[in-house]
PDB file of N, CA and C in Angstrom:
ATOM      1  N   MET A   1       0.838  -1.162   0.000  1.00  0.00           N
ATOM      2  CA  MET A   1       0.000   0.000   0.000  1.00  0.00           C
ATOM      3  C   MET A   1       0.896   1.243   0.000  1.00  0.00           C
ATOM      4  N   ASN A   2       0.539   2.214  -0.773  1.00  0.00           N
ATOM      5  CA  ASN A   2       1.274   3.462  -0.833  1.00  0.00           C
ATOM      6  C   ASN A   2       0.535   4.503   0.010  1.00  0.00           C
ATOM      7  N   ILE A   3       1.210   5.038   0.998  1.00  0.00           N
ATOM      8  CA  ILE A   3       0.576   6.004   1.893  1.00  0.00           C
ATOM      9  C   ILE A   3       1.198   7.373   1.667  1.00  0.00           C
ATOM     10  N   GLN A   4       0.350   8.350   1.348  1.00  0.00           N
ATOM     11  CA  GLN A   4       0.836   9.711   1.165  1.00  0.00           C
ATOM     12  C   GLN A   4       0.767  10.504   2.462  1.00  0.00           C
ATOM     13  N   ARG A   5      -0.255  10.203   3.278  1.00  0.00           N
ATOM     14  CA  ARG A   5      -0.373  10.857   4.589  1.00  0.00           C
ATOM     15  C   ARG A   5      -1.208   9.964   5.496  1.00  0.00           C
ATOM     16  N   MET A   6      -0.988  10.092   6.792  1.00  0.00           N
ATOM     17  CA  MET A   6      -1.776   9.324   7.752  1.00  0.00           C
ATOM     18  C   MET A   6      -3.150   9.979   7.863  1.00  0.00           C
ATOM     19  N   HIS A   7      -4.194   9.161   7.721  1.00  0.00           N
ATOM     20  CA  HIS A   7      -5.537   9.727   7.754  1.00  0.00           C
ATOM     21  C   HIS A   7      -6.538   8.858   8.524  1.00  0.00           C
ATOM     22  N   LEU A   8      -6.506   7.539   8.294  1.00  0.00           N
ATOM     23  CA  LEU A   8      -7.472   6.645   8.910  1.00  0.00           C
ATOM     24  C   LEU A   8      -6.770   5.385   9.408  1.00  0.00           C
ATOM     25  N   PHE A   9      -7.066   5.000  10.640  1.00  0.00           N
ATOM     26  CA  PHE A   9      -6.459   3.808  11.222  1.00  0.00           C
ATOM     27  C   PHE A   9      -7.543   2.881  11.741  1.00  0.00           C
ATOM     28  N   GLN A  10      -7.309   1.583  11.591  1.00  0.00           N
ATOM     29  CA  GLN A  10      -8.139   0.564  12.217  1.00  0.00           C
ATOM     30  C   GLN A  10      -7.433   0.159  13.508  1.00  0.00           C
ATOM     31  N   VAL A  11      -8.164   0.166  14.589  1.00  0.00           N
ATOM     32  CA  VAL A  11      -7.615  -0.203  15.886  1.00  0.00           C
ATOM     33  C   VAL A  11      -8.297  -1.497  16.327  1.00  0.00           C
ATOM     34  N   TYR A  12      -7.495  -2.478  16.688  1.00  0.00           N
ATOM     35  CA  TYR A  12      -8.004  -3.759  17.171  1.00  0.00           C
ATOM     36  C   TYR A  12      -7.661  -3.913  18.644  1.00  0.00           C
ATOM     37  N   VAL A  13      -8.656  -4.287  19.438  1.00  0.00           N
ATOM     38  CA  VAL A  13      -8.450  -4.546  20.857  1.00  0.00           C
ATOM     39  C   VAL A  13      -9.170  -5.846  21.224  1.00  0.00           C
ATOM     40  N   VAL A  14      -8.734  -6.472  22.302  1.00  0.00           N
ATOM     41  CA  VAL A  14      -9.452  -7.623  22.833  1.00  0.00           C
ATOM     42  C   VAL A  14     -10.248  -7.113  24.025  1.00  0.00           C
ATOM     43  N   HIS A  15     -11.560  -7.194  23.918  1.00  0.00           N
ATOM     44  CA  HIS A  15     -12.453  -6.689  24.957  1.00  0.00           C
ATOM     45  C   HIS A  15     -13.396  -7.806  25.380  1.00  0.00           C
ATOM     46  N   GLU A  16     -13.356  -8.158  26.647  1.00  0.00           N
ATOM     47  CA  GLU A  16     -14.182  -9.233  27.202  1.00  0.00           C
ATOM     48  C   GLU A  16     -14.043 -10.525  26.392  1.00  0.00           C
ATOM     49  N   GLY A  17     -12.792 -10.821  26.026  1.00  0.00           N
ATOM     50  CA  GLY A  17     -12.480 -12.071  25.360  1.00  0.00           C
ATOM     51  C   GLY A  17     -12.755 -12.121  23.860  1.00  0.00           C
ATOM     52  N   ARG A  18     -13.174 -11.024  23.277  1.00  0.00           N
ATOM     53  CA  ARG A  18     -13.387 -11.045  21.831  1.00  0.00           C
ATOM     54  C   ARG A  18     -12.670  -9.869  21.165  1.00  0.00           C
ATOM     55  N   LYS A  19     -12.296 -10.071  19.918  1.00  0.00           N
ATOM     56  CA  LYS A  19     -11.579  -9.056  19.151  1.00  0.00           C
ATOM     57  C   LYS A  19     -12.574  -8.016  18.635  1.00  0.00           C
ATOM     58  N   VAL A  20     -12.281  -6.755  18.919  1.00  0.00           N
ATOM     59  CA  VAL A  20     -13.139  -5.643  18.518  1.00  0.00           C
ATOM     60  C   VAL A  20     -12.319  -4.682  17.670  1.00  0.00           C
ATOM     61  N   ARG A  21     -12.930  -4.184  16.595  1.00  0.00           N
ATOM     62  CA  ARG A  21     -12.261  -3.226  15.725  1.00  0.00           C
ATOM     63  C   ARG A  21     -13.047  -1.917  15.712  1.00  0.00           C
ATOM     64  N   PHE A  22     -12.315  -0.808  15.786  1.00  0.00           N
ATOM     65  CA  PHE A  22     -12.929   0.501  15.591  1.00  0.00           C
ATOM     66  C   PHE A  22     -11.944   1.357  14.818  1.00  0.00           C
ATOM     67  N   HIS A  23     -12.431   2.466  14.306  1.00  0.00           N
ATOM     68  CA  HIS A  23     -11.614   3.321  13.449  1.00  0.00           C
ATOM     69  C   HIS A  23     -11.311   4.648  14.130  1.00  0.00           C
ATOM     70  N   MET A  24     -10.132   5.150  13.819  1.00  0.00           N
ATOM     71  CA  MET A  24      -9.747   6.496  14.245  1.00  0.00           C
ATOM     72  C   MET A  24      -9.333   7.259  12.997  1.00  0.00           C
ATOM     73  N   GLN A  25      -9.787   8.502  12.903  1.00  0.00           N
ATOM     74  CA  GLN A  25      -9.532   9.319  11.723  1.00  0.00           C
ATOM     75  C   GLN A  25      -8.965  10.666  12.145  1.00  0.00           C
ATOM     76  N   ALA A  26      -8.101  11.207  11.316  1.00  0.00           N
ATOM     77  CA  ALA A  26      -7.484  12.504  11.608  1.00  0.00           C
ATOM     78  C   ALA A  26      -8.506  13.616  11.435  1.00  0.00           C
ATOM     79  N   ASP A  27      -8.517  14.529  12.396  1.00  0.00           N
ATOM     80  CA  ASP A  27      -9.355  15.717  12.271  1.00  0.00           C
ATOM     81  C   ASP A  27      -8.555  16.779  11.510  1.00  0.00           C
ATOM     82  N   PRO A  28      -9.116  17.946  11.245  1.00  0.00           N
ATOM     83  CA  PRO A  28      -8.383  18.975  10.489  1.00  0.00           C
ATOM     84  C   PRO A  28      -7.051  19.399  11.119  1.00  0.00           C
ATOM     85  N   ASN A  29      -6.890  19.187  12.430  1.00  0.00           N
ATOM     86  CA  ASN A  29      -5.645  19.538  13.115  1.00  0.00           C
ATOM     87  C   ASN A  29      -4.629  18.407  13.119  1.00  0.00           C
ATOM     88  N   GLY A  30      -4.999  17.251  12.530  1.00  0.00           N
ATOM     89  CA  GLY A  30      -4.085  16.115  12.477  1.00  0.00           C
ATOM     90  C   GLY A  30      -4.132  15.208  13.689  1.00  0.00           C
ATOM     91  N   ASN A  31      -5.090  15.451  14.595  1.00  0.00           N
ATOM     92  CA  ASN A  31      -5.268  14.592  15.769  1.00  0.00           C
ATOM     93  C   ASN A  31      -6.274  13.500  15.426  1.00  0.00           C
ATOM     94  N   PHE A  32      -5.996  12.274  15.872  1.00  0.00           N
ATOM     95  CA  PHE A  32      -6.850  11.144  15.562  1.00  0.00           C
ATOM     96  C   PHE A  32      -7.933  10.995  16.615  1.00  0.00           C
ATOM     97  N   ARG A  33      -9.154  10.850  16.134  1.00  0.00           N
ATOM     98  CA  ARG A  33     -10.329  10.720  16.991  1.00  0.00           C
ATOM     99  C   ARG A  33     -11.097   9.454  16.617  1.00  0.00           C
ATOM    100  N   ILE A  34     -11.796   8.877  17.576  1.00  0.00           N
ATOM    101  CA  ILE A  34     -12.634   7.710  17.319  1.00  0.00           C
ATOM    102  C   ILE A  34     -13.783   8.168  16.427  1.00  0.00           C
ATOM    103  N   THR A  35     -13.960   7.506  15.283  1.00  0.00           N
ATOM    104  CA  THR A  35     -14.965   7.963  14.320  1.00  0.00           C
ATOM    105  C   THR A  35     -16.387   7.607  14.717  1.00  0.00           C
ATOM    106  N   ASP A  36     -16.583   6.447  15.317  1.00  0.00           N
ATOM    107  CA  ASP A  36     -17.917   5.999  15.706  1.00  0.00           C
ATOM    108  C   ASP A  36     -17.840   5.456  17.130  1.00  0.00           C
ATOM    109  N   PRO A  37     -18.064   6.314  18.118  1.00  0.00           N
ATOM    110  CA  PRO A  37     -17.938   5.872  19.507  1.00  0.00           C
ATOM    111  C   PRO A  37     -18.809   4.659  19.853  1.00  0.00           C
ATOM    112  N   ALA A  38     -19.906   4.459  19.154  1.00  0.00           N
ATOM    113  CA  ALA A  38     -20.783   3.319  19.435  1.00  0.00           C
ATOM    114  C   ALA A  38     -20.115   1.993  19.075  1.00  0.00           C
ATOM    115  N   SER A  39     -19.174   2.010  18.135  1.00  0.00           N
ATOM    116  CA  SER A  39     -18.493   0.776  17.728  1.00  0.00           C
ATOM    117  C   SER A  39     -17.271   0.472  18.595  1.00  0.00           C
ATOM    118  N   CYS A  40     -16.931   1.395  19.466  1.00  0.00           N
ATOM    119  CA  CYS A  40     -15.755   1.266  20.334  1.00  0.00           C
ATOM    120  C   CYS A  40     -16.220   1.031  21.765  1.00  0.00           C
ATOM    121  N   PRO A  41     -15.702  -0.018  22.432  1.00  0.00           N
ATOM    122  CA  PRO A  41     -16.079  -0.225  23.831  1.00  0.00           C
ATOM    123  C   PRO A  41     -15.807   1.041  24.655  1.00  0.00           C
ATOM    124  N   GLU A  42     -16.754   1.398  25.477  1.00  0.00           N
ATOM    125  CA  GLU A  42     -16.676   2.660  26.210  1.00  0.00           C
ATOM    126  C   GLU A  42     -15.401   2.817  27.033  1.00  0.00           C
ATOM    127  N   ILE A  43     -14.864   1.733  27.543  1.00  0.00           N
ATOM    128  CA  ILE A  43     -13.640   1.807  28.342  1.00  0.00           C
ATOM    129  C   ILE A  43     -12.481   2.417  27.552  1.00  0.00           C
ATOM    130  N   TYR A  44     -12.499   2.280  26.219  1.00  0.00           N
ATOM    131  CA  TYR A  44     -11.418   2.816  25.388  1.00  0.00           C
ATOM    132  C   TYR A  44     -11.628   4.275  25.000  1.00  0.00           C
ATOM    133  N   HIS A  45     -12.802   4.829  25.264  1.00  0.00           N
ATOM    134  CA  HIS A  45     -13.037   6.238  24.931  1.00  0.00           C
ATOM    135  C   HIS A  45     -12.054   7.148  25.667  1.00  0.00           C
ATOM    136  N   ARG A  46     -11.773   6.792  26.908  1.00  0.00           N
ATOM    137  CA  ARG A  46     -10.874   7.646  27.697  1.00  0.00           C
ATOM    138  C   ARG A  46      -9.403   7.513  27.273  1.00  0.00           C
ATOM    139  N   THR A  47      -9.084   6.530  26.442  1.00  0.00           N
ATOM    140  CA  THR A  47      -7.709   6.360  25.970  1.00  0.00           C
ATOM    141  C   THR A  47      -7.487   7.016  24.609  1.00  0.00           C
ATOM    142  N   GLU A  48      -8.479   7.756  24.134  1.00  0.00           N
ATOM    143  CA  GLU A  48      -8.391   8.358  22.800  1.00  0.00           C
ATOM    144  C   GLU A  48      -7.112   9.190  22.618  1.00  0.00           C
ATOM    145  N   GLU A  49      -6.765   9.986  23.587  1.00  0.00           N
ATOM    146  CA  GLU A  49      -5.568  10.827  23.484  1.00  0.00           C
ATOM    147  C   GLU A  49      -4.294   9.981  23.433  1.00  0.00           C
ATOM    148  N   GLN A  50      -4.222   8.923  24.227  1.00  0.00           N
ATOM    149  CA  GLN A  50      -3.055   8.030  24.196  1.00  0.00           C
ATOM    150  C   GLN A  50      -2.958   7.314  22.848  1.00  0.00           C
ATOM    151  N   LEU A  51      -4.102   6.861  22.334  1.00  0.00           N
ATOM    152  CA  LEU A  51      -4.102   6.219  21.018  1.00  0.00           C
ATOM    153  C   LEU A  51      -3.676   7.212  19.937  1.00  0.00           C
ATOM    154  N   ASN A  52      -4.158   8.440  20.042  1.00  0.00           N
ATOM    155  CA  ASN A  52      -3.765   9.490  19.102  1.00  0.00           C
ATOM    156  C   ASN A  52      -2.244   9.661  19.112  1.00  0.00           C
ATOM    157  N   ASN A  53      -1.665   9.763  20.299  1.00  0.00           N
ATOM    158  CA  ASN A  53      -0.213   9.944  20.407  1.00  0.00           C
ATOM    159  C   ASN A  53       0.541   8.760  19.816  1.00  0.00           C
ATOM    160  N   ALA A  54       0.065   7.549  20.095  1.00  0.00           N
ATOM    161  CA  ALA A  54       0.728   6.354  19.561  1.00  0.00           C
ATOM    162  C   ALA A  54       0.668   6.320  18.033  1.00  0.00           C
ATOM    163  N   ILE A  55      -0.468   6.650  17.469  1.00  0.00           N
ATOM    164  CA  ILE A  55      -0.603   6.670  16.011  1.00  0.00           C
ATOM    165  C   ILE A  55       0.335   7.709  15.410  1.00  0.00           C
ATOM    166  N   ARG A  56       0.393   8.877  16.015  1.00  0.00           N
ATOM    167  CA  ARG A  56       1.239   9.945  15.467  1.00  0.00           C
ATOM    168  C   ARG A  56       2.721   9.586  15.572  1.00  0.00           C
ATOM    169  N   ILE A  57       3.122   8.863  16.611  1.00  0.00           N
ATOM    170  CA  ILE A  57       4.526   8.478  16.784  1.00  0.00           C
ATOM    171  C   ILE A  57       4.863   7.248  15.946  1.00  0.00           C
ATOM    172  N   TYR A  58       4.106   6.178  16.150  1.00  0.00           N
ATOM    173  CA  TYR A  58       4.458   4.891  15.529  1.00  0.00           C
ATOM    174  C   TYR A  58       3.881   4.710  14.130  1.00  0.00           C
ATOM    175  N   GLY A  59       2.909   5.514  13.768  1.00  0.00           N
ATOM    176  CA  GLY A  59       2.318   5.427  12.438  1.00  0.00           C
ATOM    177  C   GLY A  59       3.275   5.846  11.332  1.00  0.00           C
ATOM    178  N   LYS A  60       4.277   6.608  11.689  1.00  0.00           N
ATOM    179  CA  LYS A  60       5.269   7.064  10.701  1.00  0.00           C
ATOM    180  C   LYS A  60       6.329   6.018  10.420  1.00  0.00           C
ATOM    181  N   ALA A  61       6.444   5.034  11.312  1.00  0.00           N
ATOM    182  CA  ALA A  61       7.476   4.005  11.180  1.00  0.00           C
ATOM    183  C   ALA A  61       7.195   3.071  10.018  1.00  0.00           C
TER     184      ALA A  61
END
């Protein structure tokens, strides 16, 4: 895959013994936000900023 800029990420977590996927997308400021909070287990809503930082750091690798 050829990536010109980071824009959309799929995040996979194991929640209550099952694999759950949700998406994070860059806002106009380049910060990644959960696109559909209903598809993301609520416990991960509070980690949005940490996930944003991880994507911005490790997404470039």
